Amino acid sequence: MLRVGLRYLFRLIVIIISCCVSHASEPALIRVDFSRDLGSVRLLDGINKGPLAPGGMLDLTQAHRELGVPFVRLHDCHWPNPDVVDIHAIFPDPEADPDFPSSYDFSLTDEYISAIRATGAQIIYRLGESIEHTSRKRFVHPPRDPAKWAKVCLGIVRHYNEGWANGFHHNISYWEIWNEPENRPAMWTGTDAQYFALYQETARALKHHDPQLKIGGPAVGFSGEFKNGTFSPSPFVVTFLELCRRESLPLDFFSWHCYTDDPSELTRRSQAIRSLLNTKGFTKTESHLNEWNFLPQKSWKPLSKSAQPETRERFYTEMSGASGAAFIASALIELQDAPVEICNLFHGELGGFGLFNENGVPYQNYYALRAFNQTSRSGERVAVIGTTPGKLAALATLNAQRKETTILLVNYRSDADQVRIDLENLPWPTPGKAEIALLNEKSQWSTNRIQVSRSGIQIELKAPSVAAVRLRP
């Protein structure tokens, strides 16, 4: 009797193990249809901050060039001691006359912006101040005279677009008025009404000076929340939009932020904000997701002042490592079909939330951003079937000569350890060989050759991983 029981138990264990092995080895299936051209890949891989690191010790220009970012937003530049871009850095004496060039100190900001332009990127200029986490706030207060503050902003516009005060002709289109005015007191010590008055005064002054400028804001950190699948915009956002409509204020772009651990949330939130803008009558207003990044466990607690240093270190290691890389690549792929015009990752500089360590060595998230850029510029986008939002993402392109395809694969949170790619209507006969570059917790963008069968490609891609596959005849 005991022998029969042991035999039965052994068979049961074998069956369970077999089922587990079978399930684990079953690959996720991705189909790439090269007969379905979806047009150009949307370049949504903008960043915040330029290539000149604080203090001028590091110049990341070449690394930024390789990213090929389309837009750089100027916020928290040289933080935590910002000496560029911010109003207080350029116009140091609040009592000075904004009509006189001598009232301004453009020197460091000139150098900072010129370095960005040398990478090929366009500028989104945030007019205002950087965030202050200190107990005493120095610069994030409402200006005493909004009209004078608007004149200072106008002086900055004239310097960088019209050559005023030994300036430039950078043709900066996007001008954003402040950042996260609802984030108090770190970003704004005043009231809602004081920010709205500042926006109204500045937006009208800049638009009157040059109607071609694109004016926007409010770079809101909390745009609203989802309740039972329905988006409820924040009272601040609703009041701001109603003010702009009632007073016919310029609002060429509406800017908002999102930090999350779910790349699909960026898409859902962009859809909700587009719907809100349309409902409020701003059908032509662009939507800018101009701060976003991977937020492990969707929690800010590891960065609180009471958090242990080891906790903070683990947080930043995960953000900049394979998980952060997979999140960034997955988000950029999912946002391809989202109703958003410009996206700016926060940020492209050193340290926490950045792409480089303190010595300028790229983190893994840098390589994910570079892989997206290389894929996006390698040809026209073709159809991909079989992805799972928030878990498994893929982007495929075919070059103009129809002689090379690049497939960017991301396993962010899929249970599958392997991915199979079926190549449908490939312009040349298989089999052949492909080149694959792989990034995961054990590999930092290592490149190998893999075999391609008549039925496609199968690769090991355990989450979190990013892979770029290049296939030619």
Protein backbone atom coordinates (compact mmCIF):
# COMPACT_ATOMS: atom_id res chain seq x y z
CA MET A 1 0.00 0.00 0.00
CA LEU A 2 2.85 2.36 0.90
CA ARG A 3 4.66 1.45 -2.34
CA VAL A 4 1.55 2.28 -4.43
CA GLY A 5 1.19 5.61 -2.65
CA LEU A 6 4.82 6.54 -3.26
CA ARG A 7 4.51 5.54 -6.92
CA TYR A 8 1.42 7.72 -7.31
CA LEU A 9 3.14 10.63 -5.58
CA PHE A 10 6.19 10.30 -7.82
CA ARG A 11 4.03 10.33 -10.98
CA LEU A 12 2.18 13.38 -9.70
CA ILE A 13 5.45 15.24 -9.10
CA VAL A 14 6.67 14.34 -12.60
CA ILE A 15 3.41 15.64 -14.14
CA ILE A 16 3.60 18.90 -12.19
CA ILE A 17 7.24 19.46 -13.14
CA SER A 18 6.49 18.68 -16.79
CA CYS A 19 3.61 21.12 -16.85
CA CYS A 20 5.75 23.84 -15.27
CA VAL A 21 8.61 23.24 -17.70
CA SER A 22 6.23 23.19 -20.65
CA HIS A 23 4.58 26.41 -19.55
CA ALA A 24 7.89 28.15 -18.89
CA SER A 25 9.36 27.10 -22.24
CA GLU A 26 6.36 28.14 -24.30
CA PRO A 27 7.48 31.28 -26.18
CA ALA A 28 5.45 34.43 -26.64
CA LEU A 29 4.53 34.86 -30.30
CA ILE A 30 5.14 38.13 -32.15
CA ARG A 31 4.14 38.47 -35.81
CA VAL A 32 5.77 41.10 -38.03
CA ASP A 33 3.89 41.77 -41.29
CA PHE A 34 6.18 43.57 -43.74
CA SER A 35 3.35 44.14 -46.23
CA ARG A 36 1.65 46.62 -43.87
CA ASP A 37 3.45 49.97 -43.89
CA LEU A 38 2.46 52.18 -40.94
CA GLY A 39 4.55 55.22 -41.88
CA SER A 40 7.38 56.87 -39.98
CA VAL A 41 8.17 56.05 -36.38
CA ARG A 42 7.19 58.96 -34.15
CA LEU A 43 10.21 60.54 -32.48
CA LEU A 44 8.91 60.79 -28.92
CA ASP A 45 12.28 60.26 -27.25
CA GLY A 46 12.91 63.79 -26.01
CA ILE A 47 14.63 64.48 -22.69
CA ASN A 48 15.03 67.13 -20.02
CA LYS A 49 18.41 68.85 -19.46
CA GLY A 50 21.36 69.31 -21.80
CA PRO A 51 24.79 67.71 -22.17
CA LEU A 52 26.83 70.12 -20.03
CA ALA A 53 26.96 68.60 -16.56
CA PRO A 54 27.02 70.81 -13.45
CA GLY A 55 30.20 72.76 -12.92
CA GLY A 56 31.37 72.22 -16.48
CA MET A 57 33.40 69.17 -15.50
CA LEU A 58 31.67 66.84 -17.95
CA ASP A 59 30.51 67.33 -21.53
CA LEU A 60 28.09 64.63 -22.66
CA THR A 61 27.57 66.11 -26.12
CA GLN A 62 28.73 63.05 -28.06
CA ALA A 63 26.56 60.70 -26.00
CA HIS A 64 23.57 63.01 -26.54
CA ARG A 65 24.28 63.11 -30.27
CA GLU A 66 24.07 59.31 -30.35
CA LEU A 67 20.67 59.52 -28.66
CA GLY A 68 19.49 61.83 -31.42
CA VAL A 69 16.75 63.32 -29.25
CA PRO A 70 14.39 65.69 -31.09
CA PHE A 71 13.60 68.01 -28.15
CA VAL A 72 15.33 69.00 -24.92
CA ARG A 73 13.21 70.66 -22.24
CA LEU A 74 14.98 73.10 -19.94
CA HIS A 75 13.94 72.31 -16.38
CA ASP A 76 16.04 71.68 -13.25
CA CYS A 77 19.15 72.35 -15.30
CA HIS A 78 22.32 72.07 -13.18
CA TRP A 79 20.11 71.15 -10.22
CA PRO A 80 20.41 71.30 -7.19
CA ASN A 81 22.32 74.57 -7.69
CA PRO A 82 20.84 75.91 -10.92
CA ASP A 83 22.93 78.68 -12.42
CA VAL A 84 21.43 78.53 -15.91
CA VAL A 85 17.99 78.94 -17.57
CA ASP A 86 16.07 79.98 -14.42
CA ILE A 87 14.79 83.55 -14.21
CA HIS A 88 16.86 84.33 -11.11
CA ALA A 89 20.05 83.13 -12.86
CA ILE A 90 19.49 85.25 -15.97
CA PHE A 91 17.90 88.28 -14.29
CA PRO A 92 19.66 88.34 -10.91
CA ASP A 93 18.44 91.76 -9.67
CA PRO A 94 14.63 91.88 -9.43
CA GLU A 95 14.82 95.67 -9.15
CA ALA A 96 16.66 96.07 -12.48
CA ASP A 97 15.03 97.38 -15.66
CA PRO A 98 14.09 94.51 -18.05
CA ASP A 99 14.43 96.83 -21.04
CA PHE A 100 18.22 97.11 -20.60
CA PRO A 101 20.57 94.34 -21.80
CA SER A 102 22.86 95.12 -18.84
CA SER A 103 20.19 93.80 -16.47
CA TYR A 104 20.68 90.27 -17.75
CA ASP A 105 23.40 87.66 -17.32
CA PHE A 106 23.05 85.32 -20.29
CA SER A 107 26.61 83.98 -20.34
CA LEU A 108 26.25 80.53 -18.75
CA THR A 109 22.84 79.89 -20.29
CA ASP A 110 24.19 80.85 -23.73
CA GLU A 111 26.82 78.13 -23.39
CA TYR A 112 24.31 75.61 -22.07
CA ILE A 113 21.79 76.12 -24.86
CA SER A 114 24.45 76.24 -27.58
CA ALA A 115 25.67 72.82 -26.44
CA ILE A 116 22.14 71.44 -26.79
CA ARG A 117 21.74 72.91 -30.26
CA ALA A 118 25.07 71.30 -31.23
CA THR A 119 23.48 67.88 -30.62
CA GLY A 120 20.78 68.66 -33.19
CA ALA A 121 17.95 68.95 -30.67
CA GLN A 122 15.32 71.68 -30.53
CA ILE A 123 14.62 73.56 -27.30
CA ILE A 124 11.54 73.68 -25.09
CA TYR A 125 12.24 76.63 -22.80
CA ARG A 126 10.64 76.48 -19.36
CA LEU A 127 10.28 80.03 -18.05
CA GLY A 128 10.42 79.95 -14.27
CA GLU A 129 12.47 78.31 -11.55
CA SER A 130 13.82 74.88 -10.61
CA ILE A 131 12.35 72.80 -7.81
CA GLU A 132 13.43 73.57 -4.24
CA HIS A 133 13.31 70.77 -1.67
CA THR A 134 15.04 72.91 0.95
CA SER A 135 13.13 74.05 4.04
CA ARG A 136 13.62 77.68 3.05
CA LYS A 137 12.49 78.62 -0.46
CA ARG A 138 14.44 81.26 -2.36
CA PHE A 139 12.99 81.55 -5.86
CA VAL A 140 9.73 79.59 -6.22
CA HIS A 141 7.62 82.50 -5.00
CA PRO A 142 5.03 84.35 -7.10
CA PRO A 143 6.65 87.38 -8.77
CA ARG A 144 5.72 90.62 -7.03
CA ASP A 145 5.01 92.23 -10.39
CA PRO A 146 3.67 89.75 -13.01
CA ALA A 147 3.86 92.39 -15.77
CA LYS A 148 7.54 93.02 -15.09
CA TRP A 149 8.21 89.28 -14.89
CA ALA A 150 6.58 88.91 -18.31
CA LYS A 151 8.92 91.62 -19.66
CA VAL A 152 11.91 89.65 -18.36
CA CYS A 153 10.60 86.57 -20.19
CA LEU A 154 10.22 88.68 -23.31
CA GLY A 155 13.87 89.73 -22.98
CA ILE A 156 14.88 86.06 -22.87
CA VAL A 157 12.81 85.32 -25.97
CA ARG A 158 14.36 88.24 -27.84
CA HIS A 159 17.89 87.20 -26.83
CA TYR A 160 17.59 83.61 -28.06
CA ASN A 161 15.37 84.17 -31.08
CA GLU A 162 16.07 87.67 -32.32
CA GLY A 163 19.73 88.32 -31.49
CA TRP A 164 18.95 90.98 -28.89
CA ALA A 165 21.71 91.72 -26.34
CA ASN A 166 24.38 89.95 -28.39
CA GLY A 167 22.08 86.99 -28.69
CA PHE A 168 21.15 84.24 -31.11
CA HIS A 169 18.65 83.13 -33.71
CA HIS A 170 17.82 79.69 -32.32
CA ASN A 171 14.18 79.93 -33.42
CA ILE A 172 12.90 78.36 -30.21
CA SER A 173 9.20 77.71 -30.76
CA TYR A 174 8.00 76.31 -27.44
CA TRP A 175 7.86 78.55 -24.35
CA GLU A 176 6.42 77.06 -21.17
CA ILE A 177 5.24 79.19 -18.27
CA TRP A 178 6.44 77.73 -14.95
CA ASN A 179 6.56 74.10 -13.82
CA GLU A 180 4.16 72.21 -11.54
CA PRO A 181 2.55 75.25 -9.87
CA GLU A 182 0.26 72.86 -7.96
CA ASN A 183 3.31 71.19 -6.35
CA ARG A 184 3.56 73.24 -3.17
CA PRO A 185 5.68 74.58 -1.66
CA ALA A 186 8.52 72.89 -3.58
CA MET A 187 7.56 74.54 -6.89
CA TRP A 188 5.20 77.36 -5.96
CA THR A 189 4.51 79.11 -2.66
CA GLY A 190 1.57 81.11 -3.93
CA THR A 191 -2.08 80.38 -4.67
CA ASP A 192 -3.84 79.03 -7.74
CA ALA A 193 -5.08 82.53 -8.52
CA GLN A 194 -1.56 83.96 -8.43
CA TYR A 195 -0.32 81.39 -10.92
CA PHE A 196 -3.28 81.94 -13.22
CA ALA A 197 -2.61 85.69 -13.14
CA LEU A 198 1.06 85.09 -14.01
CA TYR A 199 0.15 82.78 -16.88
CA GLN A 200 -2.40 85.23 -18.24
CA GLU A 201 0.01 88.18 -18.17
CA THR A 202 2.98 86.30 -19.63
CA ALA A 203 1.11 84.29 -22.28
CA ARG A 204 -0.53 87.42 -23.68
CA ALA A 205 2.70 89.43 -23.66
CA LEU A 206 4.72 86.77 -25.50
CA LYS A 207 1.99 86.04 -28.03
CA HIS A 208 1.47 89.73 -28.72
CA HIS A 209 5.20 90.14 -29.36
CA ASP A 210 5.43 87.15 -31.69
CA PRO A 211 2.25 85.31 -32.72
CA GLN A 212 4.38 82.46 -34.11
CA LEU A 213 5.59 81.44 -30.64
CA LYS A 214 3.96 78.39 -29.11
CA ILE A 215 2.95 79.22 -25.55
CA GLY A 216 1.90 76.61 -23.02
CA GLY A 217 1.84 75.11 -19.56
CA PRO A 218 1.20 74.48 -16.78
CA ALA A 219 3.56 71.45 -16.69
CA VAL A 220 1.19 69.96 -14.14
CA GLY A 221 2.51 67.15 -11.94
CA PHE A 222 -0.91 65.82 -10.90
CA SER A 223 -3.30 65.98 -13.84
CA GLY A 224 -5.98 63.79 -12.26
CA GLU A 225 -6.75 60.21 -11.31
CA PHE A 226 -8.56 57.19 -12.67
CA LYS A 227 -11.56 55.95 -10.68
CA ASN A 228 -13.18 52.74 -11.87
CA GLY A 229 -11.67 53.31 -15.30
CA THR A 230 -12.90 56.91 -15.56
CA PHE A 231 -10.48 59.83 -15.55
CA SER A 232 -11.22 62.64 -13.12
CA PRO A 233 -9.09 65.72 -13.87
CA SER A 234 -7.73 67.68 -10.94
CA PRO A 235 -9.60 70.86 -9.92
CA PHE A 236 -6.44 72.85 -10.76
CA VAL A 237 -6.41 71.55 -14.33
CA VAL A 238 -10.12 72.15 -14.83
CA THR A 239 -9.91 75.72 -13.52
CA PHE A 240 -6.83 76.43 -15.64
CA LEU A 241 -8.48 75.23 -18.86
CA GLU A 242 -11.70 77.09 -18.12
CA LEU A 243 -9.71 80.28 -17.50
CA CYS A 244 -7.84 79.91 -20.79
CA ARG A 245 -11.11 79.38 -22.66
CA ARG A 246 -13.01 82.18 -20.90
CA GLU A 247 -10.21 84.74 -21.34
CA SER A 248 -9.12 83.46 -24.77
CA LEU A 249 -5.59 82.94 -23.47
CA PRO A 250 -2.91 81.37 -25.67
CA LEU A 251 -2.60 77.63 -25.01
CA ASP A 252 -0.71 76.12 -27.92
CA PHE A 253 0.35 73.15 -25.81
CA PHE A 254 -0.84 71.64 -22.55
CA SER A 255 2.02 70.03 -20.59
CA TRP A 256 1.70 67.30 -17.98
CA HIS A 257 3.83 64.78 -16.09
CA CYS A 258 3.60 61.13 -15.11
CA TYR A 259 5.93 58.87 -13.12
CA THR A 260 4.77 55.26 -12.94
CA ASP A 261 5.84 51.63 -13.15
CA ASP A 262 3.20 50.83 -15.79
CA PRO A 263 4.05 52.01 -19.33
CA SER A 264 0.41 51.58 -20.32
CA GLU A 265 -0.58 54.29 -17.85
CA LEU A 266 1.18 56.86 -20.03
CA THR A 267 -1.01 55.85 -22.97
CA ARG A 268 -4.23 55.81 -20.93
CA ARG A 269 -3.46 59.18 -19.40
CA SER A 270 -2.61 60.71 -22.78
CA GLN A 271 -5.96 59.52 -24.12
CA ALA A 272 -7.79 60.97 -21.12
CA ILE A 273 -6.04 64.33 -21.42
CA ARG A 274 -6.69 64.52 -25.16
CA SER A 275 -10.37 63.87 -24.50
CA LEU A 276 -10.42 66.53 -21.77
CA LEU A 277 -8.77 69.12 -24.03
CA ASN A 278 -11.24 68.40 -26.80
CA THR A 279 -14.18 68.64 -24.43
CA LYS A 280 -13.00 72.02 -23.20
CA GLY A 281 -12.66 73.30 -26.76
CA PHE A 282 -8.87 72.97 -27.15
CA THR A 283 -8.94 70.62 -30.11
CA LYS A 284 -5.84 72.20 -31.68
CA THR A 285 -3.82 72.40 -28.46
CA GLU A 286 -0.89 69.98 -28.46
CA SER A 287 -0.46 67.52 -25.61
CA HIS A 288 3.06 67.36 -24.16
CA LEU A 289 4.13 64.64 -21.74
CA ASN A 290 7.25 66.57 -20.84
CA GLU A 291 8.26 64.77 -17.65
CA TRP A 292 8.06 61.00 -17.29
CA ASN A 293 10.18 58.13 -16.06
CA PHE A 294 10.12 54.74 -14.39
CA LEU A 295 8.97 54.92 -10.76
CA PRO A 296 9.70 51.54 -9.09
CA GLN A 297 6.66 50.18 -7.24
CA LYS A 298 5.00 53.48 -8.16
CA SER A 299 6.18 54.95 -4.86
CA TRP A 300 8.11 58.08 -3.86
CA LYS A 301 8.74 56.81 -0.33
CA PRO A 302 12.27 55.51 -1.05
CA LEU A 303 13.26 59.12 -1.83
CA SER A 304 11.82 60.65 1.33
CA LYS A 305 14.17 62.34 3.79
CA SER A 306 13.52 59.59 6.33
CA ALA A 307 14.42 56.76 3.91
CA GLN A 308 17.57 54.76 4.56
CA PRO A 309 20.49 55.40 2.16
CA GLU A 310 20.44 51.73 1.11
CA THR A 311 16.76 52.02 0.21
CA ARG A 312 17.42 55.08 -1.89
CA GLU A 313 20.36 53.36 -3.59
CA ARG A 314 18.22 50.30 -4.50
CA PHE A 315 15.56 52.60 -5.92
CA TYR A 316 17.97 54.44 -8.22
CA THR A 317 19.74 51.22 -9.22
CA GLU A 318 16.44 49.71 -10.35
CA MET A 319 15.42 52.91 -12.14
CA SER A 320 18.64 53.12 -14.14
CA GLY A 321 19.09 49.37 -14.66
CA ALA A 322 17.43 46.71 -16.79
CA SER A 323 13.95 47.34 -15.35
CA GLY A 324 14.17 51.06 -16.08
CA ALA A 325 15.56 50.38 -19.55
CA ALA A 326 12.74 47.96 -20.38
CA PHE A 327 10.16 50.42 -19.05
CA ILE A 328 11.49 53.29 -21.18
CA ALA A 329 11.65 51.25 -24.39
CA SER A 330 8.22 49.73 -23.77
CA ALA A 331 6.67 53.13 -23.07
CA LEU A 332 8.11 54.71 -26.23
CA ILE A 333 6.74 51.84 -28.31
CA GLU A 334 3.27 51.96 -26.72
CA LEU A 335 3.10 55.75 -27.10
CA GLN A 336 3.47 55.43 -30.90
CA ASP A 337 -0.31 55.33 -31.31
CA ALA A 338 -1.17 57.62 -28.38
CA PRO A 339 -2.63 61.13 -28.83
CA VAL A 340 0.46 62.99 -27.62
CA GLU A 341 2.74 65.25 -29.67
CA ILE A 342 5.97 65.54 -27.65
CA CYS A 343 7.44 63.46 -24.83
CA ASN A 344 10.45 64.37 -22.69
CA LEU A 345 12.00 61.81 -20.37
CA PHE A 346 13.23 63.25 -17.08
CA HIS A 347 16.18 63.45 -17.48
CA GLY A 348 19.32 63.23 -19.65
CA GLU A 349 21.97 64.32 -17.17
CA LEU A 350 23.87 62.69 -14.27
CA GLY A 351 22.67 60.81 -11.21
CA GLY A 352 19.19 60.01 -9.96
CA PHE A 353 16.52 59.89 -12.69
CA GLY A 354 19.33 60.45 -15.22
CA LEU A 355 21.06 58.43 -17.93
CA PHE A 356 24.65 58.63 -16.62
CA ASN A 357 26.50 58.10 -13.37
CA GLU A 358 28.49 60.87 -11.71
CA ASN A 359 31.46 60.17 -13.99
CA GLY A 360 29.43 60.28 -17.19
CA VAL A 361 29.30 56.50 -17.70
CA PRO A 362 25.97 55.53 -19.33
CA TYR A 363 23.46 53.55 -17.30
CA GLN A 364 21.47 50.75 -18.91
CA ASN A 365 18.49 53.04 -19.45
CA TYR A 366 20.69 55.15 -21.76
CA TYR A 367 21.14 52.18 -24.10
CA ALA A 368 17.40 51.56 -24.23
CA LEU A 369 16.82 55.15 -25.33
CA ARG A 370 19.61 54.89 -27.90
CA ALA A 371 18.20 51.60 -29.23
CA PHE A 372 14.81 53.22 -29.73
CA ASN A 373 16.39 56.11 -31.61
CA GLN A 374 18.41 53.81 -33.86
CA THR A 375 15.33 51.70 -34.61
CA SER A 376 13.11 54.71 -35.25
CA ARG A 377 15.56 56.13 -37.80
CA SER A 378 16.22 52.83 -39.58
CA GLY A 379 13.16 52.87 -41.82
CA GLU A 380 9.38 52.96 -42.01
CA ARG A 381 7.31 51.29 -39.35
CA VAL A 382 5.60 47.99 -40.23
CA ALA A 383 2.80 46.15 -38.47
CA VAL A 384 3.45 44.09 -35.35
CA ILE A 385 0.85 41.72 -33.90
CA GLY A 386 0.85 39.87 -30.59
CA THR A 387 2.14 42.42 -28.08
CA THR A 388 0.67 42.80 -24.58
CA PRO A 389 0.32 46.34 -23.17
CA GLY A 390 2.43 46.86 -20.08
CA LYS A 391 4.21 43.53 -20.52
CA LEU A 392 5.53 42.77 -24.02
CA ALA A 393 6.23 45.41 -26.68
CA ALA A 394 7.73 45.39 -30.16
CA LEU A 395 8.56 47.91 -32.89
CA ALA A 396 9.65 46.90 -36.40
CA THR A 397 10.97 48.95 -39.31
CA LEU A 398 11.92 48.29 -42.93
CA ASN A 399 14.39 50.55 -44.72
CA ALA A 400 13.63 52.40 -47.96
CA GLN A 401 15.58 49.92 -50.07
CA ARG A 402 13.62 47.05 -48.45
CA LYS A 403 16.96 45.38 -47.72
CA GLU A 404 17.11 45.66 -43.92
CA THR A 405 14.70 45.35 -41.02
CA THR A 406 15.20 46.27 -37.39
CA ILE A 407 12.97 44.83 -34.67
CA LEU A 408 13.05 46.29 -31.17
CA LEU A 409 11.70 43.79 -28.63
CA VAL A 410 10.96 44.50 -24.99
CA ASN A 411 9.96 42.01 -22.33
CA TYR A 412 9.06 44.29 -19.45
CA ARG A 413 6.83 42.02 -17.37
CA SER A 414 5.77 39.09 -19.52
CA ASP A 415 5.99 35.61 -17.95
CA ALA A 416 7.45 34.18 -21.15
CA ASP A 417 11.18 33.46 -21.07
CA GLN A 418 11.42 33.29 -24.86
CA VAL A 419 9.94 35.23 -27.76
CA ARG A 420 9.26 33.85 -31.20
CA ILE A 421 9.12 36.28 -34.13
CA ASP A 422 7.18 35.17 -37.21
CA LEU A 423 8.36 37.08 -40.30
CA GLU A 424 5.42 37.51 -42.67
CA ASN A 425 5.85 38.83 -46.22
CA LEU A 426 9.55 39.49 -45.74
CA PRO A 427 10.89 41.08 -48.97
CA TRP A 428 13.67 38.50 -49.28
CA PRO A 429 13.79 34.74 -48.82
CA THR A 430 14.82 33.16 -45.53
CA PRO A 431 16.68 31.43 -43.92
CA GLY A 432 19.62 33.62 -43.09
CA LYS A 433 21.34 35.18 -40.14
CA ALA A 434 20.53 38.11 -37.94
CA GLU A 435 22.43 40.34 -35.55
CA ILE A 436 20.99 40.78 -32.07
CA ALA A 437 21.96 43.27 -29.37
CA LEU A 438 20.72 42.31 -25.91
CA LEU A 439 20.27 44.21 -22.67
CA ASN A 440 19.19 42.57 -19.43
CA GLU A 441 20.28 42.24 -15.82
CA LYS A 442 23.35 40.25 -16.89
CA SER A 443 24.18 41.88 -20.21
CA GLN A 444 24.70 45.52 -21.16
CA TRP A 445 24.01 45.66 -24.88
CA SER A 446 26.09 42.69 -26.01
CA THR A 447 25.88 41.83 -29.72
CA ASN A 448 25.70 38.32 -31.22
CA ARG A 449 24.70 36.53 -34.40
CA ILE A 450 21.62 34.29 -34.41
CA GLN A 451 20.13 31.85 -36.90
CA VAL A 452 16.94 32.65 -38.79
CA SER A 453 14.80 29.74 -39.95
CA ARG A 454 12.12 29.80 -42.63
CA SER A 455 9.50 30.18 -39.93
CA GLY A 456 11.22 33.03 -38.11
CA ILE A 457 13.40 33.74 -35.08
CA GLN A 458 13.26 32.51 -31.51
CA ILE A 459 15.28 34.24 -28.80
CA GLU A 460 15.61 34.01 -25.05
CA LEU A 461 14.20 37.19 -23.55
CA LYS A 462 13.41 36.90 -19.88
CA ALA A 463 11.97 39.99 -18.21
CA PRO A 464 13.26 42.63 -17.86
CA SER A 465 15.06 42.65 -21.21
CA VAL A 466 15.47 44.75 -24.35
CA ALA A 467 16.65 43.30 -27.65
CA ALA A 468 17.31 44.85 -31.06
CA VAL A 469 17.34 42.40 -33.98
CA ARG A 470 18.74 43.47 -37.36
CA LEU A 471 18.06 41.22 -40.33
CA ARG A 472 19.39 41.55 -43.88
CA PRO A 473 19.43 39.25 -46.95
